[in-house]
Amino acid sequence: EVHGVPESGFARVSEPGKAQAERPLVGT
């Protein structure tokens, strides 16, 4: 993280599943 901002967002939801489809493209 840089000042609390993650550089990479993909790892927050990495597995296939409905969560992958429903996650926002841009989001905290």
PDB file of all heavy atoms in Angstrom:
ATOM      1  N   GLU A   1       0.827  -1.187   0.000  1.00  0.00           N
ATOM      2  CA  GLU A   1       0.000   0.000   0.000  1.00  0.00           C
ATOM      3  C   GLU A   1       0.867   1.243   0.000  1.00  0.00           C
ATOM      4  O   GLU A   1       1.986   1.240   0.509  1.00  0.00           O
ATOM      5  CB  GLU A   1      -0.918   0.018   1.229  1.00  0.00           C
ATOM      6  CG  GLU A   1      -1.943  -1.116   1.235  1.00  0.00           C
ATOM      7  CD  GLU A   1      -2.969  -0.955   2.337  1.00  0.00           C
ATOM      8  OE1 GLU A   1      -2.823  -0.009   3.126  1.00  0.00           O
ATOM      9  OE2 GLU A   1      -3.901  -1.770   2.398  1.00  0.00           O
ATOM     10  N   VAL A   2       0.354   2.309  -0.614  1.00  0.00           N
ATOM     11  CA  VAL A   2       0.997   3.613  -0.598  1.00  0.00           C
ATOM     12  C   VAL A   2       0.042   4.552   0.107  1.00  0.00           C
ATOM     13  O   VAL A   2      -1.046   4.844  -0.402  1.00  0.00           O
ATOM     14  CB  VAL A   2       1.281   4.112  -2.033  1.00  0.00           C
ATOM     15  CG1 VAL A   2       1.918   5.489  -1.986  1.00  0.00           C
ATOM     16  CG2 VAL A   2       2.194   3.141  -2.763  1.00  0.00           C
ATOM     17  N   HIS A   3       0.422   4.993   1.298  1.00  0.00           N
ATOM     18  CA  HIS A   3      -0.453   5.876   2.079  1.00  0.00           C
ATOM     19  C   HIS A   3      -1.860   5.281   2.200  1.00  0.00           C
ATOM     20  O   HIS A   3      -2.871   5.969   2.059  1.00  0.00           O
ATOM     21  CB  HIS A   3      -0.502   7.271   1.463  1.00  0.00           C
ATOM     22  CG  HIS A   3       0.830   7.935   1.381  1.00  0.00           C
ATOM     23  ND1 HIS A   3       1.391   8.610   2.439  1.00  0.00           N
ATOM     24  CD2 HIS A   3       1.728   8.013   0.377  1.00  0.00           C
ATOM     25  CE1 HIS A   3       2.573   9.084   2.086  1.00  0.00           C
ATOM     26  NE2 HIS A   3       2.807   8.730   0.850  1.00  0.00           N
ATOM     27  N   GLY A   4      -1.918   3.958   2.453  1.00  0.00           N
ATOM     28  CA  GLY A   4      -3.199   3.304   2.654  1.00  0.00           C
ATOM     29  C   GLY A   4      -3.934   2.919   1.397  1.00  0.00           C
ATOM     30  O   GLY A   4      -5.032   2.373   1.469  1.00  0.00           O
ATOM     31  N   VAL A   5      -3.356   3.194   0.218  1.00  0.00           N
ATOM     32  CA  VAL A   5      -4.015   2.871  -1.051  1.00  0.00           C
ATOM     33  C   VAL A   5      -3.343   1.654  -1.670  1.00  0.00           C
ATOM     34  O   VAL A   5      -2.155   1.702  -1.987  1.00  0.00           O
ATOM     35  CB  VAL A   5      -3.946   4.053  -2.039  1.00  0.00           C
ATOM     36  CG1 VAL A   5      -4.636   3.682  -3.341  1.00  0.00           C
ATOM     37  CG2 VAL A   5      -4.596   5.289  -1.435  1.00  0.00           C
ATOM     38  N   PRO A   6      -4.061   0.552  -1.844  1.00  0.00           N
ATOM     39  CA  PRO A   6      -3.442  -0.638  -2.457  1.00  0.00           C
ATOM     40  C   PRO A   6      -3.048  -0.374  -3.901  1.00  0.00           C
ATOM     41  O   PRO A   6      -3.786   0.256  -4.657  1.00  0.00           O
ATOM     42  CB  PRO A   6      -4.556  -1.690  -2.371  1.00  0.00           C
ATOM     43  CG  PRO A   6      -5.537  -1.159  -1.380  1.00  0.00           C
ATOM     44  CD  PRO A   6      -5.444   0.321  -1.464  1.00  0.00           C
ATOM     45  N   GLU A   7      -1.855  -0.844  -4.273  1.00  0.00           N
ATOM     46  CA  GLU A   7      -1.405  -0.703  -5.658  1.00  0.00           C
ATOM     47  C   GLU A   7      -2.163  -1.669  -6.569  1.00  0.00           C
ATOM     48  O   GLU A   7      -2.367  -1.399  -7.740  1.00  0.00           O
ATOM     49  CB  GLU A   7       0.094  -0.997  -5.752  1.00  0.00           C
ATOM     50  CG  GLU A   7       0.954  -0.017  -4.974  1.00  0.00           C
ATOM     51  CD  GLU A   7       2.305  -0.589  -4.620  1.00  0.00           C
ATOM     52  OE1 GLU A   7       2.517  -1.793  -4.872  1.00  0.00           O
ATOM     53  OE2 GLU A   7       3.141   0.151  -4.089  1.00  0.00           O
ATOM     54  N   SER A   8      -2.513  -2.814  -6.015  1.00  0.00           N
ATOM     55  CA  SER A   8      -3.169  -3.842  -6.817  1.00  0.00           C
ATOM     56  C   SER A   8      -4.489  -4.219  -6.179  1.00  0.00           C
ATOM     57  O   SER A   8      -4.543  -4.551  -4.999  1.00  0.00           O
ATOM     58  CB  SER A   8      -2.282  -5.081  -6.925  1.00  0.00           C
ATOM     59  OG  SER A   8      -2.990  -6.152  -7.491  1.00  0.00           O
ATOM     60  N   GLY A   9      -5.551  -4.151  -6.965  1.00  0.00           N
ATOM     61  CA  GLY A   9      -6.860  -4.457  -6.426  1.00  0.00           C
ATOM     62  C   GLY A   9      -7.345  -5.854  -6.719  1.00  0.00           C
ATOM     63  O   GLY A   9      -8.288  -6.328  -6.096  1.00  0.00           O
ATOM     64  N   PHE A  10      -6.699  -6.544  -7.687  1.00  0.00           N
ATOM     65  CA  PHE A  10      -7.222  -7.848  -8.093  1.00  0.00           C
ATOM     66  C   PHE A  10      -7.202  -8.854  -6.952  1.00  0.00           C
ATOM     67  O   PHE A  10      -8.120  -9.649  -6.785  1.00  0.00           O
ATOM     68  CB  PHE A  10      -6.435  -8.406  -9.275  1.00  0.00           C
ATOM     69  CG  PHE A  10      -6.878  -9.790  -9.649  1.00  0.00           C
ATOM     70  CD1 PHE A  10      -8.052  -9.992 -10.348  1.00  0.00           C
ATOM     71  CD2 PHE A  10      -6.149 -10.893  -9.263  1.00  0.00           C
ATOM     72  CE1 PHE A  10      -8.486 -11.265 -10.667  1.00  0.00           C
ATOM     73  CE2 PHE A  10      -6.572 -12.175  -9.573  1.00  0.00           C
ATOM     74  CZ  PHE A  10      -7.743 -12.356 -10.278  1.00  0.00           C
ATOM     75  N   ALA A  11      -6.151  -8.806  -6.149  1.00  0.00           N
ATOM     76  CA  ALA A  11      -5.973  -9.826  -5.119  1.00  0.00           C
ATOM     77  C   ALA A  11      -7.061  -9.776  -4.050  1.00  0.00           C
ATOM     78  O   ALA A  11      -7.218 -10.704  -3.267  1.00  0.00           O
ATOM     79  CB  ALA A  11      -4.606  -9.663  -4.462  1.00  0.00           C
ATOM     80  N   ARG A  12      -7.859  -8.701  -4.000  1.00  0.00           N
ATOM     81  CA  ARG A  12      -8.908  -8.610  -2.983  1.00  0.00           C
ATOM     82  C   ARG A  12      -9.984  -9.678  -3.200  1.00  0.00           C
ATOM     83  O   ARG A  12     -10.598 -10.157  -2.262  1.00  0.00           O
ATOM     84  CB  ARG A  12      -9.555  -7.228  -3.021  1.00  0.00           C
ATOM     85  CG  ARG A  12      -8.563  -6.100  -2.783  1.00  0.00           C
ATOM     86  CD  ARG A  12      -9.233  -4.757  -3.072  1.00  0.00           C
ATOM     87  NE  ARG A  12      -8.228  -3.711  -3.195  1.00  0.00           N
ATOM     88  CZ  ARG A  12      -8.462  -2.542  -3.762  1.00  0.00           C
ATOM     89  NH1 ARG A  12      -9.648  -2.275  -4.270  1.00  0.00           N
ATOM     90  NH2 ARG A  12      -7.519  -1.633  -3.837  1.00  0.00           N
ATOM     91  N   VAL A  13     -10.252 -10.002  -4.466  1.00  0.00           N
ATOM     92  CA  VAL A  13     -11.181 -11.088  -4.798  1.00  0.00           C
ATOM     93  C   VAL A  13     -10.523 -11.862  -5.931  1.00  0.00           C
ATOM     94  O   VAL A  13     -10.630 -11.486  -7.081  1.00  0.00           O
ATOM     95  CB  VAL A  13     -12.558 -10.563  -5.254  1.00  0.00           C
ATOM     96  CG1 VAL A  13     -13.503 -11.725  -5.542  1.00  0.00           C
ATOM     97  CG2 VAL A  13     -13.162  -9.645  -4.206  1.00  0.00           C
ATOM     98  N   SER A  14      -9.816 -12.916  -5.598  1.00  0.00           N
ATOM     99  CA  SER A  14      -8.982 -13.561  -6.602  1.00  0.00           C
ATOM    100  C   SER A  14      -9.606 -14.806  -7.225  1.00  0.00           C
ATOM    101  O   SER A  14      -9.208 -15.219  -8.302  1.00  0.00           O
ATOM    102  CB  SER A  14      -7.624 -13.936  -5.996  1.00  0.00           C
ATOM    103  OG  SER A  14      -7.807 -14.785  -4.882  1.00  0.00           O
ATOM    104  N   GLU A  15     -10.579 -15.417  -6.556  1.00  0.00           N
ATOM    105  CA  GLU A  15     -11.124 -16.670  -7.074  1.00  0.00           C
ATOM    106  C   GLU A  15     -12.371 -16.423  -7.914  1.00  0.00           C
ATOM    107  O   GLU A  15     -13.096 -15.457  -7.698  1.00  0.00           O
ATOM    108  CB  GLU A  15     -11.456 -17.612  -5.920  1.00  0.00           C
ATOM    109  CG  GLU A  15     -10.227 -18.134  -5.185  1.00  0.00           C
ATOM    110  CD  GLU A  15     -10.599 -19.172  -4.145  1.00  0.00           C
ATOM    111  OE1 GLU A  15     -11.813 -19.389  -3.935  1.00  0.00           O
ATOM    112  OE2 GLU A  15      -9.686 -19.766  -3.553  1.00  0.00           O
ATOM    113  N   PRO A  16     -12.640 -17.322  -8.855  1.00  0.00           N
ATOM    114  CA  PRO A  16     -13.904 -17.222  -9.600  1.00  0.00           C
ATOM    115  C   PRO A  16     -15.083 -17.396  -8.655  1.00  0.00           C
ATOM    116  O   PRO A  16     -14.985 -17.989  -7.591  1.00  0.00           O
ATOM    117  CB  PRO A  16     -13.827 -18.374 -10.600  1.00  0.00           C
ATOM    118  CG  PRO A  16     -12.374 -18.713 -10.687  1.00  0.00           C
ATOM    119  CD  PRO A  16     -11.793 -18.424  -9.344  1.00  0.00           C
ATOM    120  N   GLY A  17     -16.208 -16.876  -9.057  1.00  0.00           N
ATOM    121  CA  GLY A  17     -17.408 -16.959  -8.246  1.00  0.00           C
ATOM    122  C   GLY A  17     -18.246 -15.721  -8.463  1.00  0.00           C
ATOM    123  O   GLY A  17     -17.846 -14.796  -9.155  1.00  0.00           O
ATOM    124  N   LYS A  18     -19.411 -15.689  -7.855  1.00  0.00           N
ATOM    125  CA  LYS A  18     -20.296 -14.552  -8.056  1.00  0.00           C
ATOM    126  C   LYS A  18     -19.680 -13.259  -7.538  1.00  0.00           C
ATOM    127  O   LYS A  18     -19.949 -12.182  -8.053  1.00  0.00           O
ATOM    128  CB  LYS A  18     -21.637 -14.818  -7.379  1.00  0.00           C
ATOM    129  CG  LYS A  18     -22.450 -15.912  -8.069  1.00  0.00           C
ATOM    130  CD  LYS A  18     -23.808 -16.094  -7.416  1.00  0.00           C
ATOM    131  CE  LYS A  18     -24.591 -17.186  -8.127  1.00  0.00           C
ATOM    132  NZ  LYS A  18     -25.922 -17.409  -7.508  1.00  0.00           N
ATOM    133  N   ALA A  19     -18.849 -13.372  -6.509  1.00  0.00           N
ATOM    134  CA  ALA A  19     -18.200 -12.173  -5.975  1.00  0.00           C
ATOM    135  C   ALA A  19     -17.327 -11.515  -7.031  1.00  0.00           C
ATOM    136  O   ALA A  19     -17.192 -10.292  -7.080  1.00  0.00           O
ATOM    137  CB  ALA A  19     -17.367 -12.525  -4.749  1.00  0.00           C
ATOM    138  N   GLN A  20     -16.730 -12.324  -7.903  1.00  0.00           N
ATOM    139  CA  GLN A  20     -15.896 -11.789  -8.978  1.00  0.00           C
ATOM    140  C   GLN A  20     -16.747 -11.012  -9.981  1.00  0.00           C
ATOM    141  O   GLN A  20     -16.332  -9.975 -10.492  1.00  0.00           O
ATOM    142  CB  GLN A  20     -15.172 -12.931  -9.682  1.00  0.00           C
ATOM    143  CG  GLN A  20     -14.072 -12.504 -10.629  1.00  0.00           C
ATOM    144  CD  GLN A  20     -12.883 -11.913  -9.911  1.00  0.00           C
ATOM    145  OE1 GLN A  20     -12.606 -10.734 -10.037  1.00  0.00           O
ATOM    146  NE2 GLN A  20     -12.174 -12.721  -9.139  1.00  0.00           N
ATOM    147  N   ALA A  21     -17.933 -11.522 -10.260  1.00  0.00           N
ATOM    148  CA  ALA A  21     -18.806 -10.858 -11.230  1.00  0.00           C
ATOM    149  C   ALA A  21     -19.426  -9.607 -10.659  1.00  0.00           C
ATOM    150  O   ALA A  21     -19.663  -8.636 -11.371  1.00  0.00           O
ATOM    151  CB  ALA A  21     -19.903 -11.819 -11.680  1.00  0.00           C
ATOM    152  N   GLU A  22     -19.675  -9.622  -9.365  1.00  0.00           N
ATOM    153  CA  GLU A  22     -20.408  -8.516  -8.751  1.00  0.00           C
ATOM    154  C   GLU A  22     -19.512  -7.414  -8.222  1.00  0.00           C
ATOM    155  O   GLU A  22     -20.005  -6.336  -7.886  1.00  0.00           O
ATOM    156  CB  GLU A  22     -21.274  -9.070  -7.614  1.00  0.00           C
ATOM    157  CG  GLU A  22     -22.369 -10.007  -8.110  1.00  0.00           C
ATOM    158  CD  GLU A  22     -23.043 -10.762  -6.982  1.00  0.00           C
ATOM    159  OE1 GLU A  22     -22.592 -10.624  -5.815  1.00  0.00           O
ATOM    160  OE2 GLU A  22     -24.011 -11.498  -7.265  1.00  0.00           O
ATOM    161  N   ARG A  23     -18.219  -7.640  -8.136  1.00  0.00           N
ATOM    162  CA  ARG A  23     -17.317  -6.617  -7.587  1.00  0.00           C
ATOM    163  C   ARG A  23     -17.247  -5.431  -8.537  1.00  0.00           C
ATOM    164  O   ARG A  23     -17.348  -5.581  -9.766  1.00  0.00           O
ATOM    165  CB  ARG A  23     -15.928  -7.200  -7.366  1.00  0.00           C
ATOM    166  CG  ARG A  23     -15.198  -7.534  -8.648  1.00  0.00           C
ATOM    167  CD  ARG A  23     -13.899  -8.265  -8.428  1.00  0.00           C
ATOM    168  NE  ARG A  23     -12.979  -7.500  -7.610  1.00  0.00           N
ATOM    169  CZ  ARG A  23     -11.667  -7.749  -7.531  1.00  0.00           C
ATOM    170  NH1 ARG A  23     -11.146  -8.746  -8.230  1.00  0.00           N
ATOM    171  NH2 ARG A  23     -10.886  -7.037  -6.786  1.00  0.00           N
ATOM    172  N   PRO A  24     -17.048  -4.226  -8.028  1.00  0.00           N
ATOM    173  CA  PRO A  24     -16.934  -3.060  -8.914  1.00  0.00           C
ATOM    174  C   PRO A  24     -15.595  -3.045  -9.630  1.00  0.00           C
ATOM    175  O   PRO A  24     -14.582  -3.505  -9.083  1.00  0.00           O
ATOM    176  CB  PRO A  24     -17.062  -1.881  -7.950  1.00  0.00           C
ATOM    177  CG  PRO A  24     -16.597  -2.408  -6.632  1.00  0.00           C
ATOM    178  CD  PRO A  24     -16.995  -3.855  -6.602  1.00  0.00           C
ATOM    179  N   LEU A  25     -15.584  -2.529 -10.840  1.00  0.00           N
ATOM    180  CA  LEU A  25     -14.326  -2.403 -11.565  1.00  0.00           C
ATOM    181  C   LEU A  25     -13.437  -1.371 -10.882  1.00  0.00           C
ATOM    182  O   LEU A  25     -12.228  -1.561 -10.755  1.00  0.00           O
ATOM    183  CB  LEU A  25     -14.594  -1.995 -13.014  1.00  0.00           C
ATOM    184  CG  LEU A  25     -13.403  -2.084 -13.963  1.00  0.00           C
ATOM    185  CD1 LEU A  25     -12.947  -3.524 -14.127  1.00  0.00           C
ATOM    186  CD2 LEU A  25     -13.762  -1.483 -15.323  1.00  0.00           C
ATOM    187  N   VAL A  26     -14.042  -0.266 -10.444  1.00  0.00           N
ATOM    188  CA  VAL A  26     -13.319   0.766  -9.690  1.00  0.00           C
ATOM    189  C   VAL A  26     -13.957   0.854  -8.315  1.00  0.00           C
ATOM    190  O   VAL A  26     -15.164   1.073  -8.194  1.00  0.00           O
ATOM    191  CB  VAL A  26     -13.391   2.131 -10.398  1.00  0.00           C
ATOM    192  CG1 VAL A  26     -12.697   3.208  -9.551  1.00  0.00           C
ATOM    193  CG2 VAL A  26     -12.758   2.052 -11.773  1.00  0.00           C
ATOM    194  N   GLY A  27     -13.163   0.643  -7.280  1.00  0.00           N
ATOM    195  CA  GLY A  27     -13.701   0.687  -5.926  1.00  0.00           C
ATOM    196  C   GLY A  27     -12.600   0.590  -4.896  1.00  0.00           C
ATOM    197  O   GLY A  27     -11.477   0.165  -5.191  1.00  0.00           O
ATOM    198  N   THR A  28     -12.888   0.971  -3.692  1.00  0.00           N
ATOM    199  CA  THR A  28     -11.911   0.939  -2.609  1.00  0.00           C
ATOM    200  C   THR A  28     -11.663  -0.497  -2.164  1.00  0.00           C
ATOM    201  O   THR A  28     -12.334  -1.435  -2.613  1.00  0.00           O
ATOM    202  CB  THR A  28     -12.422   1.757  -1.417  1.00  0.00           C
ATOM    203  OG1 THR A  28     -13.636   1.157  -0.932  1.00  0.00           O
ATOM    204  CG2 THR A  28     -12.699   3.208  -1.818  1.00  0.00           C
TER     205      THR A  28
END
